[in-house]
Amino acid sequence: MFIGIVLDLASMDSEKTIQKILTEYGIKKVQSNLYESFEFPSKRLGNLKKDLTDSIDMDDKIRIYQYPLDKCFKISYIQDRKWKRLSISGEV
């Protein structure tokens, strides 16, 4: 599965911590606040979200773009320390 992660972090401490977590999961930095992996195992997504949630401040923002997941394009974002998800399917 493809995964793209966009970060808007409030502090350098958050940035260092999150960058370490993403590196441990094999997700590579491709631009200043953008990380990607083309071979991310969907079974590890829950663990990644938990690790990210445990490491961020209230002011930090993270968006995860996933495709394919359940045959849909999914956008996950964190709000009030809870993950929300938007699903976009090809069916009309």
PDB file of N, CA and C in Angstrom:
ATOM      1  N   MET A   1       0.837  -1.162   0.000  1.00  0.00           N
ATOM      2  CA  MET A   1       0.000   0.000   0.000  1.00  0.00           C
ATOM      3  C   MET A   1       0.891   1.238   0.000  1.00  0.00           C
ATOM      4  N   PHE A   2       0.470   2.266  -0.729  1.00  0.00           N
ATOM      5  CA  PHE A   2       1.152   3.562  -0.702  1.00  0.00           C
ATOM      6  C   PHE A   2       0.679   4.340   0.513  1.00  0.00           C
ATOM      7  N   ILE A   3       1.617   5.004   1.157  1.00  0.00           N
ATOM      8  CA  ILE A   3       1.279   5.871   2.271  1.00  0.00           C
ATOM      9  C   ILE A   3       2.081   7.161   2.144  1.00  0.00           C
ATOM     10  N   GLY A   4       1.397   8.287   2.251  1.00  0.00           N
ATOM     11  CA  GLY A   4       2.031   9.593   2.262  1.00  0.00           C
ATOM     12  C   GLY A   4       1.636  10.300   3.542  1.00  0.00           C
ATOM     13  N   ILE A   5       2.602  10.906   4.217  1.00  0.00           N
ATOM     14  CA  ILE A   5       2.334  11.557   5.499  1.00  0.00           C
ATOM     15  C   ILE A   5       2.804  13.004   5.420  1.00  0.00           C
ATOM     16  N   VAL A   6       1.894  13.915   5.730  1.00  0.00           N
ATOM     17  CA  VAL A   6       2.197  15.343   5.752  1.00  0.00           C
ATOM     18  C   VAL A   6       2.171  15.803   7.202  1.00  0.00           C
ATOM     19  N   LEU A   7       3.219  16.524   7.582  1.00  0.00           N
ATOM     20  CA  LEU A   7       3.366  16.967   8.966  1.00  0.00           C
ATOM     21  C   LEU A   7       3.328  18.485   9.067  1.00  0.00           C
ATOM     22  N   ASP A   8       2.681  18.979  10.098  1.00  0.00           N
ATOM     23  CA  ASP A   8       2.736  20.388  10.477  1.00  0.00           C
ATOM     24  C   ASP A   8       2.940  20.377  11.993  1.00  0.00           C
ATOM     25  N   LEU A   9       4.208  20.347  12.384  1.00  0.00           N
ATOM     26  CA  LEU A   9       4.553  20.148  13.790  1.00  0.00           C
ATOM     27  C   LEU A   9       4.931  21.469  14.443  1.00  0.00           C
ATOM     28  N   ALA A  10       4.552  21.624  15.712  1.00  0.00           N
ATOM     29  CA  ALA A  10       4.722  22.887  16.419  1.00  0.00           C
ATOM     30  C   ALA A  10       6.134  23.099  16.980  1.00  0.00           C
ATOM     31  N   SER A  11       6.881  22.021  17.182  1.00  0.00           N
ATOM     32  CA  SER A  11       8.199  22.180  17.816  1.00  0.00           C
ATOM     33  C   SER A  11       9.235  21.281  17.156  1.00  0.00           C
ATOM     34  N   MET A  12      10.485  21.637  17.363  1.00  0.00           N
ATOM     35  CA  MET A  12      11.593  20.828  16.862  1.00  0.00           C
ATOM     36  C   MET A  12      11.657  19.485  17.585  1.00  0.00           C
ATOM     37  N   ASP A  13      11.268  19.453  18.856  1.00  0.00           N
ATOM     38  CA  ASP A  13      11.262  18.188  19.602  1.00  0.00           C
ATOM     39  C   ASP A  13      10.285  17.204  18.974  1.00  0.00           C
ATOM     40  N   SER A  14       9.097  17.690  18.628  1.00  0.00           N
ATOM     41  CA  SER A  14       8.110  16.833  17.956  1.00  0.00           C
ATOM     42  C   SER A  14       8.657  16.340  16.631  1.00  0.00           C
ATOM     43  N   GLU A  15       9.294  17.242  15.895  1.00  0.00           N
ATOM     44  CA  GLU A  15       9.829  16.880  14.580  1.00  0.00           C
ATOM     45  C   GLU A  15      10.869  15.769  14.687  1.00  0.00           C
ATOM     46  N   LYS A  16      11.770  15.883  15.637  1.00  0.00           N
ATOM     47  CA  LYS A  16      12.802  14.856  15.811  1.00  0.00           C
ATOM     48  C   LYS A  16      12.192  13.514  16.204  1.00  0.00           C
ATOM     49  N   THR A  17      11.233  13.559  17.125  1.00  0.00           N
ATOM     50  CA  THR A  17      10.594  12.328  17.594  1.00  0.00           C
ATOM     51  C   THR A  17       9.813  11.652  16.472  1.00  0.00           C
ATOM     52  N   ILE A  18       9.023  12.423  15.743  1.00  0.00           N
ATOM     53  CA  ILE A  18       8.208  11.868  14.655  1.00  0.00           C
ATOM     54  C   ILE A  18       9.096  11.343  13.539  1.00  0.00           C
ATOM     55  N   GLN A  19      10.151  12.079  13.203  1.00  0.00           N
ATOM     56  CA  GLN A  19      11.065  11.633  12.153  1.00  0.00           C
ATOM     57  C   GLN A  19      11.698  10.291  12.528  1.00  0.00           C
ATOM     58  N   LYS A  20      12.050  10.111  13.791  1.00  0.00           N
ATOM     59  CA  LYS A  20      12.626   8.841  14.241  1.00  0.00           C
ATOM     60  C   LYS A  20      11.613   7.704  14.096  1.00  0.00           C
ATOM     61  N   ILE A  21      10.362   7.965  14.486  1.00  0.00           N
ATOM     62  CA  ILE A  21       9.312   6.938  14.373  1.00  0.00           C
ATOM     63  C   ILE A  21       9.104   6.550  12.911  1.00  0.00           C
ATOM     64  N   LEU A  22       8.995   7.536  12.031  1.00  0.00           N
ATOM     65  CA  LEU A  22       8.753   7.251  10.615  1.00  0.00           C
ATOM     66  C   LEU A  22       9.915   6.467  10.002  1.00  0.00           C
ATOM     67  N   THR A  23      11.139   6.805  10.396  1.00  0.00           N
ATOM     68  CA  THR A  23      12.312   6.077   9.904  1.00  0.00           C
ATOM     69  C   THR A  23      12.277   4.621  10.364  1.00  0.00           C
ATOM     70  N   GLU A  24      11.859   4.393  11.615  1.00  0.00           N
ATOM     71  CA  GLU A  24      11.759   3.024  12.132  1.00  0.00           C
ATOM     72  C   GLU A  24      10.750   2.196  11.338  1.00  0.00           C
ATOM     73  N   TYR A  25       9.729   2.843  10.812  1.00  0.00           N
ATOM     74  CA  TYR A  25       8.717   2.153  10.009  1.00  0.00           C
ATOM     75  C   TYR A  25       9.099   2.066   8.526  1.00  0.00           C
ATOM     76  N   GLY A  26      10.255   2.586   8.172  1.00  0.00           N
ATOM     77  CA  GLY A  26      10.713   2.511   6.784  1.00  0.00           C
ATOM     78  C   GLY A  26      10.088   3.558   5.873  1.00  0.00           C
ATOM     79  N   ILE A  27       9.570   4.610   6.448  1.00  0.00           N
ATOM     80  CA  ILE A  27       8.945   5.683   5.670  1.00  0.00           C
ATOM     81  C   ILE A  27       9.999   6.755   5.453  1.00  0.00           C
ATOM     82  N   LYS A  28      10.196   7.143   4.200  1.00  0.00           N
ATOM     83  CA  LYS A  28      11.294   8.040   3.834  1.00  0.00           C
ATOM     84  C   LYS A  28      10.818   9.475   3.616  1.00  0.00           C
ATOM     85  N   LYS A  29      11.683  10.411   3.999  1.00  0.00           N
ATOM     86  CA  LYS A  29      11.410  11.832   3.806  1.00  0.00           C
ATOM     87  C   LYS A  29      11.671  12.190   2.345  1.00  0.00           C
ATOM     88  N   VAL A  30      10.675  12.793   1.668  1.00  0.00           N
ATOM     89  CA  VAL A  30      10.837  13.166   0.259  1.00  0.00           C
ATOM     90  C   VAL A  30      10.814  14.676   0.054  1.00  0.00           C
ATOM     91  N   GLN A  31      10.242  15.411   0.984  1.00  0.00           N
ATOM     92  CA  GLN A  31      10.274  16.872   1.002  1.00  0.00           C
ATOM     93  C   GLN A  31      10.289  17.309   2.454  1.00  0.00           C
ATOM     94  N   SER A  32      10.335  18.620   2.694  1.00  0.00           N
ATOM     95  CA  SER A  32      10.547  19.087   4.068  1.00  0.00           C
ATOM     96  C   SER A  32       9.524  18.553   5.064  1.00  0.00           C
ATOM     97  N   ASN A  33       8.264  18.471   4.731  1.00  0.00           N
ATOM     98  CA  ASN A  33       7.257  17.954   5.662  1.00  0.00           C
ATOM     99  C   ASN A  33       6.451  16.809   5.071  1.00  0.00           C
ATOM    100  N   LEU A  34       7.041  16.097   4.121  1.00  0.00           N
ATOM    101  CA  LEU A  34       6.342  15.018   3.423  1.00  0.00           C
ATOM    102  C   LEU A  34       7.168  13.738   3.474  1.00  0.00           C
ATOM    103  N   TYR A  35       6.510  12.665   3.898  1.00  0.00           N
ATOM    104  CA  TYR A  35       7.143  11.347   3.983  1.00  0.00           C
ATOM    105  C   TYR A  35       6.307  10.360   3.174  1.00  0.00           C
ATOM    106  N   GLU A  36       6.976   9.379   2.552  1.00  0.00           N
ATOM    107  CA  GLU A  36       6.263   8.404   1.715  1.00  0.00           C
ATOM    108  C   GLU A  36       6.855   7.015   1.835  1.00  0.00           C
ATOM    109  N   SER A  37       5.996   6.037   1.569  1.00  0.00           N
ATOM    110  CA  SER A  37       6.419   4.651   1.400  1.00  0.00           C
ATOM    111  C   SER A  37       5.485   4.013   0.375  1.00  0.00           C
ATOM    112  N   PHE A  38       6.058   3.306  -0.572  1.00  0.00           N
ATOM    113  CA  PHE A  38       5.248   2.640  -1.595  1.00  0.00           C
ATOM    114  C   PHE A  38       4.962   1.184  -1.240  1.00  0.00           C
ATOM    115  N   GLU A  39       5.553   0.701  -0.159  1.00  0.00           N
ATOM    116  CA  GLU A  39       5.388  -0.702   0.221  1.00  0.00           C
ATOM    117  C   GLU A  39       5.051  -0.838   1.699  1.00  0.00           C
ATOM    118  N   PHE A  40       4.206   0.032   2.200  1.00  0.00           N
ATOM    119  CA  PHE A  40       3.870  -0.002   3.625  1.00  0.00           C
ATOM    120  C   PHE A  40       2.821  -1.082   3.872  1.00  0.00           C
ATOM    121  N   PRO A  41       3.073  -2.000   4.811  1.00  0.00           N
ATOM    122  CA  PRO A  41       2.089  -3.058   5.107  1.00  0.00           C
ATOM    123  C   PRO A  41       0.881  -2.489   5.866  1.00  0.00           C
ATOM    124  N   SER A  42      -0.297  -2.690   5.345  1.00  0.00           N
ATOM    125  CA  SER A  42      -1.507  -2.124   5.948  1.00  0.00           C
ATOM    126  C   SER A  42      -1.725  -2.627   7.377  1.00  0.00           C
ATOM    127  N   LYS A  43      -1.196  -3.798   7.694  1.00  0.00           N
ATOM    128  CA  LYS A  43      -1.357  -4.353   9.049  1.00  0.00           C
ATOM    129  C   LYS A  43      -0.610  -3.540  10.103  1.00  0.00           C
ATOM    130  N   ARG A  44       0.367  -2.729   9.680  1.00  0.00           N
ATOM    131  CA  ARG A  44       1.146  -1.930  10.633  1.00  0.00           C
ATOM    132  C   ARG A  44       0.596  -0.517  10.808  1.00  0.00           C
ATOM    133  N   LEU A  45      -0.452  -0.170  10.088  1.00  0.00           N
ATOM    134  CA  LEU A  45      -1.001   1.183  10.128  1.00  0.00           C
ATOM    135  C   LEU A  45      -1.502   1.563  11.522  1.00  0.00           C
ATOM    136  N   GLY A  46      -2.184   0.667  12.194  1.00  0.00           N
ATOM    137  CA  GLY A  46      -2.676   0.928  13.542  1.00  0.00           C
ATOM    138  C   GLY A  46      -1.544   1.207  14.520  1.00  0.00           C
ATOM    139  N   ASN A  47      -0.473   0.423  14.418  1.00  0.00           N
ATOM    140  CA  ASN A  47       0.688   0.633  15.290  1.00  0.00           C
ATOM    141  C   ASN A  47       1.339   1.980  15.016  1.00  0.00           C
ATOM    142  N   LEU A  48       1.444   2.338  13.730  1.00  0.00           N
ATOM    143  CA  LEU A  48       2.033   3.622  13.363  1.00  0.00           C
ATOM    144  C   LEU A  48       1.208   4.776  13.942  1.00  0.00           C
ATOM    145  N   LYS A  49      -0.106   4.714  13.784  1.00  0.00           N
ATOM    146  CA  LYS A  49      -0.962   5.779  14.305  1.00  0.00           C
ATOM    147  C   LYS A  49      -0.844   5.891  15.824  1.00  0.00           C
ATOM    148  N   LYS A  50      -0.773   4.774  16.512  1.00  0.00           N
ATOM    149  CA  LYS A  50      -0.629   4.796  17.970  1.00  0.00           C
ATOM    150  C   LYS A  50       0.689   5.439  18.372  1.00  0.00           C
ATOM    151  N   ASP A  51       1.770   5.045  17.705  1.00  0.00           N
ATOM    152  CA  ASP A  51       3.082   5.619  18.017  1.00  0.00           C
ATOM    153  C   ASP A  51       3.103   7.122  17.747  1.00  0.00           C
ATOM    154  N   LEU A  52       2.478   7.550  16.653  1.00  0.00           N
ATOM    155  CA  LEU A  52       2.424   8.976  16.342  1.00  0.00           C
ATOM    156  C   LEU A  52       1.595   9.727  17.377  1.00  0.00           C
ATOM    157  N   THR A  53       0.448   9.180  17.742  1.00  0.00           N
ATOM    158  CA  THR A  53      -0.431   9.816  18.719  1.00  0.00           C
ATOM    159  C   THR A  53       0.270   9.989  20.062  1.00  0.00           C
ATOM    160  N   ASP A  54       1.018   8.991  20.469  1.00  0.00           N
ATOM    161  CA  ASP A  54       1.727   9.045  21.749  1.00  0.00           C
ATOM    162  C   ASP A  54       2.866  10.056  21.756  1.00  0.00           C
ATOM    163  N   SER A  55       3.285  10.535  20.582  1.00  0.00           N
ATOM    164  CA  SER A  55       4.482  11.370  20.480  1.00  0.00           C
ATOM    165  C   SER A  55       4.217  12.812  20.072  1.00  0.00           C
ATOM    166  N   ILE A  56       2.978  13.189  19.873  1.00  0.00           N
ATOM    167  CA  ILE A  56       2.715  14.547  19.382  1.00  0.00           C
ATOM    168  C   ILE A  56       2.173  15.449  20.480  1.00  0.00           C
ATOM    169  N   ASP A  57       2.290  16.760  20.230  1.00  0.00           N
ATOM    170  CA  ASP A  57       1.699  17.776  21.089  1.00  0.00           C
ATOM    171  C   ASP A  57       0.309  18.103  20.556  1.00  0.00           C
ATOM    172  N   MET A  58      -0.465  18.814  21.346  1.00  0.00           N
ATOM    173  CA  MET A  58      -1.826  19.178  20.933  1.00  0.00           C
ATOM    174  C   MET A  58      -1.843  20.071  19.688  1.00  0.00           C
ATOM    175  N   ASP A  59      -0.791  20.850  19.471  1.00  0.00           N
ATOM    176  CA  ASP A  59      -0.749  21.768  18.331  1.00  0.00           C
ATOM    177  C   ASP A  59      -0.255  21.111  17.045  1.00  0.00           C
ATOM    178  N   ASP A  60       0.241  19.896  17.121  1.00  0.00           N
ATOM    179  CA  ASP A  60       0.770  19.202  15.942  1.00  0.00           C
ATOM    180  C   ASP A  60      -0.360  18.681  15.064  1.00  0.00           C
ATOM    181  N   LYS A  61      -0.125  18.729  13.755  1.00  0.00           N
ATOM    182  CA  LYS A  61      -1.111  18.216  12.801  1.00  0.00           C
ATOM    183  C   LYS A  61      -0.444  17.192  11.893  1.00  0.00           C
ATOM    184  N   ILE A  62      -1.145  16.089  11.675  1.00  0.00           N
ATOM    185  CA  ILE A  62      -0.641  15.017  10.814  1.00  0.00           C
ATOM    186  C   ILE A  62      -1.776  14.558   9.915  1.00  0.00           C
ATOM    187  N   ARG A  63      -1.456  14.359   8.630  1.00  0.00           N
ATOM    188  CA  ARG A  63      -2.395  13.770   7.676  1.00  0.00           C
ATOM    189  C   ARG A  63      -1.713  12.586   7.023  1.00  0.00           C
ATOM    190  N   ILE A  64      -2.455  11.500   6.899  1.00  0.00           N
ATOM    191  CA  ILE A  64      -1.937  10.298   6.249  1.00  0.00           C
ATOM    192  C   ILE A  64      -2.822   9.993   5.043  1.00  0.00           C
ATOM    193  N   TYR A  65      -2.199   9.864   3.880  1.00  0.00           N
ATOM    194  CA  TYR A  65      -2.892   9.513   2.642  1.00  0.00           C
ATOM    195  C   TYR A  65      -2.556   8.065   2.325  1.00  0.00           C
ATOM    196  N   GLN A  66      -3.572   7.228   2.133  1.00  0.00           N
ATOM    197  CA  GLN A  66      -3.356   5.794   1.924  1.00  0.00           C
ATOM    198  C   GLN A  66      -4.095   5.322   0.674  1.00  0.00           C
ATOM    199  N   TYR A  67      -3.410   4.490  -0.119  1.00  0.00           N
ATOM    200  CA  TYR A  67      -4.070   3.884  -1.271  1.00  0.00           C
ATOM    201  C   TYR A  67      -3.340   2.608  -1.650  1.00  0.00           C
ATOM    202  N   PRO A  68      -3.980   1.547  -1.971  1.00  0.00           N
ATOM    203  CA  PRO A  68      -5.389   1.267  -1.705  1.00  0.00           C
ATOM    204  C   PRO A  68      -5.544   0.708  -0.302  1.00  0.00           C
ATOM    205  N   LEU A  69      -6.613   1.035   0.326  1.00  0.00           N
ATOM    206  CA  LEU A  69      -6.988   0.453   1.607  1.00  0.00           C
ATOM    207  C   LEU A  69      -8.474   0.184   1.522  1.00  0.00           C
ATOM    208  N   ASP A  70      -8.858  -1.062   1.584  1.00  0.00           N
ATOM    209  CA  ASP A  70     -10.257  -1.478   1.396  1.00  0.00           C
ATOM    210  C   ASP A  70     -10.797  -0.983   0.050  1.00  0.00           C
ATOM    211  N   LYS A  71      -9.942  -1.019  -0.985  1.00  0.00           N
ATOM    212  CA  LYS A  71     -10.289  -0.606  -2.348  1.00  0.00           C
ATOM    213  C   LYS A  71     -10.686   0.866  -2.444  1.00  0.00           C
ATOM    214  N   CYS A  72     -10.204   1.689  -1.515  1.00  0.00           N
ATOM    215  CA  CYS A  72     -10.518   3.113  -1.485  1.00  0.00           C
ATOM    216  C   CYS A  72      -9.250   3.930  -1.257  1.00  0.00           C
ATOM    217  N   PHE A  73      -9.341   5.204  -1.571  1.00  0.00           N
ATOM    218  CA  PHE A  73      -8.329   6.178  -1.208  1.00  0.00           C
ATOM    219  C   PHE A  73      -8.770   6.741   0.140  1.00  0.00           C
ATOM    220  N   LYS A  74      -7.889   6.710   1.124  1.00  0.00           N
ATOM    221  CA  LYS A  74      -8.261   7.142   2.470  1.00  0.00           C
ATOM    222  C   LYS A  74      -7.345   8.267   2.935  1.00  0.00           C
ATOM    223  N   ILE A  75      -7.933   9.212   3.618  1.00  0.00           N
ATOM    224  CA  ILE A  75      -7.192  10.300   4.243  1.00  0.00           C
ATOM    225  C   ILE A  75      -7.498  10.233   5.734  1.00  0.00           C
ATOM    226  N   SER A  76      -6.457  10.050   6.527  1.00  0.00           N
ATOM    227  CA  SER A  76      -6.609  10.034   7.982  1.00  0.00           C
ATOM    228  C   SER A  76      -5.940  11.274   8.545  1.00  0.00           C
ATOM    229  N   TYR A  77      -6.548  11.847   9.563  1.00  0.00           N
ATOM    230  CA  TYR A  77      -5.958  13.006  10.220  1.00  0.00           C
ATOM    231  C   TYR A  77      -6.289  12.937  11.703  1.00  0.00           C
ATOM    232  N   ILE A  78      -5.461  13.597  12.482  1.00  0.00           N
ATOM    233  CA  ILE A  78      -5.662  13.551  13.925  1.00  0.00           C
ATOM    234  C   ILE A  78      -6.301  14.856  14.389  1.00  0.00           C
ATOM    235  N   GLN A  79      -7.312  14.699  15.224  1.00  0.00           N
ATOM    236  CA  GLN A  79      -8.027  15.841  15.775  1.00  0.00           C
ATOM    237  C   GLN A  79      -8.378  15.523  17.223  1.00  0.00           C
ATOM    238  N   ASP A  80      -7.956  16.361  18.143  1.00  0.00           N
ATOM    239  CA  ASP A  80      -8.186  16.140  19.570  1.00  0.00           C
ATOM    240  C   ASP A  80      -7.672  14.771  20.022  1.00  0.00           C
ATOM    241  N   ARG A  81      -6.491  14.430  19.526  1.00  0.00           N
ATOM    242  CA  ARG A  81      -5.803  13.169  19.846  1.00  0.00           C
ATOM    243  C   ARG A  81      -6.574  11.924  19.419  1.00  0.00           C
ATOM    244  N   LYS A  82      -7.514  12.081  18.487  1.00  0.00           N
ATOM    245  CA  LYS A  82      -8.240  10.944  17.919  1.00  0.00           C
ATOM    246  C   LYS A  82      -8.118  10.999  16.403  1.00  0.00           C
ATOM    247  N   TRP A  83      -7.986   9.819  15.805  1.00  0.00           N
ATOM    248  CA  TRP A  83      -7.855   9.731  14.356  1.00  0.00           C
ATOM    249  C   TRP A  83      -9.228   9.724  13.700  1.00  0.00           C
ATOM    250  N   LYS A  84      -9.370  10.532  12.668  1.00  0.00           N
ATOM    251  CA  LYS A  84     -10.573  10.589  11.835  1.00  0.00           C
ATOM    252  C   LYS A  84     -10.171  10.118  10.447  1.00  0.00           C
ATOM    253  N   ARG A  85     -11.141   9.578   9.690  1.00  0.00           N
ATOM    254  CA  ARG A  85     -10.799   9.073   8.359  1.00  0.00           C
ATOM    255  C   ARG A  85     -11.868   9.456   7.352  1.00  0.00           C
ATOM    256  N   LEU A  86     -11.399   9.875   6.205  1.00  0.00           N
ATOM    257  CA  LEU A  86     -12.250  10.188   5.057  1.00  0.00           C
ATOM    258  C   LEU A  86     -11.954   9.145   3.993  1.00  0.00           C
ATOM    259  N   SER A  87     -12.999   8.496   3.455  1.00  0.00           N
ATOM    260  CA  SER A  87     -12.831   7.469   2.417  1.00  0.00           C
ATOM    261  C   SER A  87     -13.390   7.969   1.099  1.00  0.00           C
ATOM    262  N   ILE A  88     -12.626   7.756   0.046  1.00  0.00           N
ATOM    263  CA  ILE A  88     -13.069   8.144  -1.295  1.00  0.00           C
ATOM    264  C   ILE A  88     -13.025   6.888  -2.159  1.00  0.00           C
ATOM    265  N   SER A  89     -14.186   6.470  -2.656  1.00  0.00           N
ATOM    266  CA  SER A  89     -14.230   5.277  -3.510  1.00  0.00           C
ATOM    267  C   SER A  89     -14.429   5.709  -4.951  1.00  0.00           C
ATOM    268  N   GLY A  90     -14.139   4.796  -5.863  1.00  0.00           N
ATOM    269  CA  GLY A  90     -14.287   5.078  -7.279  1.00  0.00           C
ATOM    270  C   GLY A  90     -15.715   4.954  -7.774  1.00  0.00           C
ATOM    271  N   GLU A  91     -16.604   4.483  -6.918  1.00  0.00           N
ATOM    272  CA  GLU A  91     -17.992   4.293  -7.304  1.00  0.00           C
ATOM    273  C   GLU A  91     -18.763   5.595  -7.132  1.00  0.00           C
ATOM    274  N   VAL A  92     -19.690   5.841  -8.056  1.00  0.00           N
ATOM    275  CA  VAL A  92     -20.485   7.054  -7.986  1.00  0.00           C
ATOM    276  C   VAL A  92     -21.929   6.733  -7.715  1.00  0.00           C
TER     277      VAL A  92
END
